[in-house]
Protein backbone atom coordinates (compact mmCIF):
# COMPACT_ATOMS: atom_id res chain seq x y z
CA MET A 1 7.97 -13.44 13.62
CA GLU A 2 8.76 -17.28 12.27
CA ALA A 3 4.97 -17.79 11.74
CA PHE A 4 4.75 -14.72 9.85
CA LEU A 5 7.89 -15.02 7.71
CA VAL A 6 7.16 -18.66 6.95
CA SER A 7 3.43 -18.12 5.88
CA THR A 8 4.53 -15.15 3.84
CA GLY A 9 7.27 -17.02 1.97
CA VAL A 10 5.23 -20.26 1.45
CA VAL A 11 2.31 -18.43 -0.08
CA ALA A 12 4.05 -16.09 -2.10
CA LEU A 13 6.01 -18.87 -3.87
CA GLY A 14 3.00 -21.15 -3.81
CA GLU A 15 0.91 -18.40 -5.51
CA MET A 16 3.14 -18.09 -8.45
CA GLY A 17 1.35 -19.39 -11.57
CA ASP A 18 -1.82 -20.38 -9.07
CA LYS A 19 -5.15 -19.71 -10.63
CA THR A 20 -5.47 -16.74 -8.69
CA GLN A 21 -2.56 -15.05 -9.99
CA LEU A 22 -3.86 -15.97 -13.37
CA LEU A 23 -7.14 -14.26 -12.38
CA ALA A 24 -5.28 -11.17 -11.27
CA MET A 25 -3.60 -10.80 -14.75
CA LEU A 26 -7.14 -11.42 -16.39
CA LEU A 27 -8.72 -8.76 -14.51
CA ALA A 28 -5.80 -6.39 -15.04
CA VAL A 29 -6.32 -6.90 -18.75
CA LYS A 30 -10.21 -6.88 -18.83
CA PHE A 31 -10.53 -3.70 -16.51
CA ARG A 32 -7.23 -1.74 -16.64
CA LYS A 33 -7.87 -0.39 -13.11
CA PRO A 34 -5.38 -1.70 -10.78
CA VAL A 35 -6.31 0.06 -7.52
CA PRO A 36 -9.93 -1.60 -7.19
CA ILE A 37 -8.62 -4.78 -8.18
CA ILE A 38 -5.56 -5.13 -5.78
CA LEU A 39 -7.99 -3.82 -2.92
CA GLY A 40 -10.42 -6.57 -4.05
CA ILE A 41 -7.70 -9.20 -3.75
CA LEU A 42 -6.66 -7.65 -0.33
CA VAL A 43 -10.16 -7.93 1.30
CA ALA A 44 -11.02 -11.18 -0.24
CA THR A 45 -7.65 -12.66 1.01
CA LEU A 46 -8.18 -11.27 4.58
CA LEU A 47 -11.37 -12.79 4.77
CA ASN A 48 -10.46 -15.99 3.23
CA HIS A 49 -7.38 -16.65 4.97
CA ALA A 50 -8.91 -15.34 8.42
CA THR A 51 -11.49 -18.05 7.97
CA ALA A 52 -8.90 -20.47 7.20
CA GLY A 53 -6.80 -19.62 9.97
CA LEU A 54 -9.76 -19.94 12.61
CA VAL A 55 -10.20 -23.50 11.17
CA GLY A 56 -6.54 -24.15 11.64
CA GLY A 57 -6.58 -22.79 15.13
CA TRP A 58 -9.79 -24.90 15.89
CA ILE A 59 -8.18 -28.19 14.58
CA ALA A 60 -5.11 -27.69 16.92
CA GLN A 61 -7.21 -27.27 19.94
CA ALA A 62 -9.47 -30.30 18.81
CA LEU A 63 -6.91 -32.70 18.23
CA GLY A 64 -4.09 -33.73 20.75
CA PRO A 65 -0.54 -32.77 20.22
CA GLN A 66 0.55 -36.16 18.76
CA ILE A 67 -2.33 -36.35 16.38
CA LEU A 68 -1.96 -32.70 15.23
CA ARG A 69 1.65 -33.29 14.53
CA TRP A 70 0.92 -36.24 12.16
CA VAL A 71 -2.13 -34.44 10.50
CA ILE A 72 -0.19 -31.31 9.96
CA GLY A 73 3.20 -33.21 8.94
CA VAL A 74 1.12 -35.25 6.23
CA SER A 75 -0.81 -32.26 5.03
CA PHE A 76 2.54 -30.24 4.45
CA ILE A 77 3.68 -33.15 2.62
CA ALA A 78 0.57 -33.43 0.25
CA MET A 79 0.93 -29.84 -0.21
CA ALA A 80 4.14 -30.40 -1.40
CA GLY A 81 2.96 -32.78 -4.03
CA TRP A 82 -0.09 -30.48 -4.94
CA MET A 83 2.50 -27.57 -5.67
CA LEU A 84 3.57 -29.24 -8.76
CA ILE A 85 0.42 -29.75 -10.24
CA PRO A 86 -0.30 -26.64 -12.32
CA ASP A 87 -3.50 -24.63 -12.00
CA LYS A 88 -6.04 -23.71 -14.72
CA ILE A 89 -8.72 -20.87 -14.23
CA ASP A 90 -12.46 -20.92 -15.30
CA ASP A 91 -13.31 -17.55 -16.68
CA ASP A 92 -16.60 -16.34 -15.43
CA GLU A 93 -17.82 -13.07 -16.62
CA SER A 94 -21.31 -13.01 -15.42
CA THR A 95 -20.57 -11.03 -11.99
CA ALA A 96 -18.42 -8.54 -13.72
CA LEU A 97 -21.32 -6.52 -15.07
CA ARG A 98 -23.43 -6.53 -11.76
CA PHE A 99 -20.50 -5.72 -9.24
CA GLY A 100 -18.06 -3.45 -10.87
CA VAL A 101 -14.20 -4.01 -10.65
CA PHE A 102 -13.81 -4.10 -6.80
CA GLY A 103 -16.84 -6.32 -6.19
CA THR A 104 -16.02 -8.68 -9.23
CA THR A 105 -12.63 -8.96 -7.99
CA LEU A 106 -13.67 -9.51 -4.36
CA ILE A 107 -16.15 -12.27 -5.21
CA ALA A 108 -13.89 -13.85 -7.82
CA PHE A 109 -10.80 -14.06 -5.44
CA PHE A 110 -12.84 -15.33 -2.54
CA LEU A 111 -14.48 -18.19 -4.46
CA ALA A 112 -11.37 -18.90 -6.14
CA GLU A 113 -9.30 -19.41 -2.90
CA MET A 114 -11.95 -21.69 -1.50
CA GLY A 115 -10.19 -25.07 -1.21
CA ASP A 116 -7.16 -23.70 -2.93
CA LYS A 117 -3.50 -24.43 -2.14
CA THR A 118 -3.01 -21.32 -0.36
CA GLN A 119 -6.10 -21.62 2.00
CA ILE A 120 -5.37 -25.17 3.00
CA ALA A 121 -1.74 -23.92 3.57
CA THR A 122 -3.24 -21.33 5.79
CA VAL A 123 -4.92 -23.91 7.81
CA ALA A 124 -2.19 -25.98 8.15
CA LEU A 125 0.07 -22.98 8.96
CA ALA A 126 -2.43 -21.67 11.62
CA ALA A 127 -2.50 -25.25 13.16
CA ARG A 128 1.36 -25.41 13.28
CA TYR A 129 1.81 -22.14 14.80
CA GLN A 130 -1.17 -21.44 16.64
CA ASP A 131 -0.79 -17.71 16.02
CA LEU A 132 -3.56 -16.43 13.88
CA VAL A 133 -2.75 -12.90 13.39
CA ALA A 134 0.94 -13.69 12.31
CA VAL A 135 -0.14 -16.44 9.86
CA VAL A 136 -3.06 -14.47 8.19
CA ALA A 137 -1.00 -11.65 8.16
CA GLY A 138 1.82 -13.53 6.53
CA THR A 139 -0.26 -15.59 4.17
CA THR A 140 -2.14 -12.27 2.80
CA LEU A 141 1.18 -10.65 2.39
CA GLY A 142 2.42 -13.44 0.40
CA MET A 143 -0.82 -13.25 -1.81
CA MET A 144 -0.10 -9.58 -2.30
CA ILE A 145 3.52 -10.14 -3.12
CA ALA A 146 2.50 -12.64 -5.79
CA ASP A 147 -0.69 -11.01 -7.23
CA VAL A 148 -0.04 -7.23 -7.34
CA PRO A 149 2.94 -7.43 -9.62
CA ALA A 150 0.44 -9.59 -11.70
CA VAL A 151 -2.06 -6.84 -11.98
CA PHE A 152 0.49 -4.37 -13.19
CA VAL A 153 2.48 -6.66 -15.44
CA GLY A 154 -0.09 -8.80 -16.69
CA ASP A 155 0.94 -11.86 -18.73
CA ARG A 156 4.56 -10.52 -19.23
CA LEU A 157 5.31 -11.93 -15.56
CA ALA A 158 4.20 -15.38 -16.75
CA LYS A 159 6.33 -15.37 -19.49
CA LYS A 160 9.48 -14.59 -17.82
CA VAL A 161 9.18 -16.33 -14.54
CA PRO A 162 9.95 -20.10 -14.85
CA MET A 163 6.87 -21.52 -12.99
CA LYS A 164 8.02 -24.85 -12.63
CA LEU A 165 11.15 -23.53 -10.71
CA VAL A 166 8.93 -21.34 -8.47
CA HIS A 167 6.59 -24.40 -7.71
CA GLY A 168 9.55 -26.72 -7.14
CA ILE A 169 10.86 -24.37 -4.56
CA ALA A 170 7.45 -23.98 -2.91
CA ALA A 171 6.97 -27.90 -2.98
CA ALA A 172 10.56 -28.15 -1.37
CA ILE A 173 9.52 -25.81 1.40
CA PHE A 174 6.39 -27.68 2.30
CA LEU A 175 8.30 -31.07 1.96
CA VAL A 176 10.88 -29.76 4.58
CA LEU A 177 8.03 -28.29 6.78
CA GLY A 178 5.97 -31.72 6.70
CA VAL A 179 9.14 -33.99 7.48
CA ALA A 180 10.20 -31.62 10.15
CA THR A 181 6.81 -31.84 11.67
CA LEU A 182 6.82 -35.59 11.46
CA LEU A 183 10.11 -36.11 13.03
CA ASN A 184 9.13 -33.55 15.60
CA VAL A 185 12.16 -31.27 14.91
CA GLY A 186 11.99 -27.94 16.42
CA HIS A 187 11.75 -24.82 14.55
CA LEU A 188 13.65 -24.82 11.29
CA PHE A 189 13.00 -21.39 10.15
């Protein structure tokens, strides 16, 4: 349960103001069809985070426990710093005409998540907890918690939520996880 809850919370906070949340807002404004957009986000996130979780599990098995602890700890601390860097989005409309709302959303979200903070977080969380299902379910739920309201509310959400505060909280969580991992402290959450 810890892996699921931490994964959900970290990704939900980390996704606030992220480029994929901005992408959800842009798609909602452009297409005005929330259901296929939400389904596209869900499928893309499940595919992307399941792959990331498998990589995290492989890393956990390939490295010894001492090396793994340092790699994960440093990764979490690096994520804390990365959370403080705002995201920008590249708008590519070439796929919209060919694949419809669902397909465009699926492709755009899958590609936008490649190497993104939440994908890297999923790798690190899967390596730390070694529970693929709980981590992928949690990170996917976290994405949906952040992105579904963005679809419905659009850019009103971005104007009302202080993104610096949200990113600061997410950075603090990653920092605490990183330091706890490096110090080999048991489960904090």
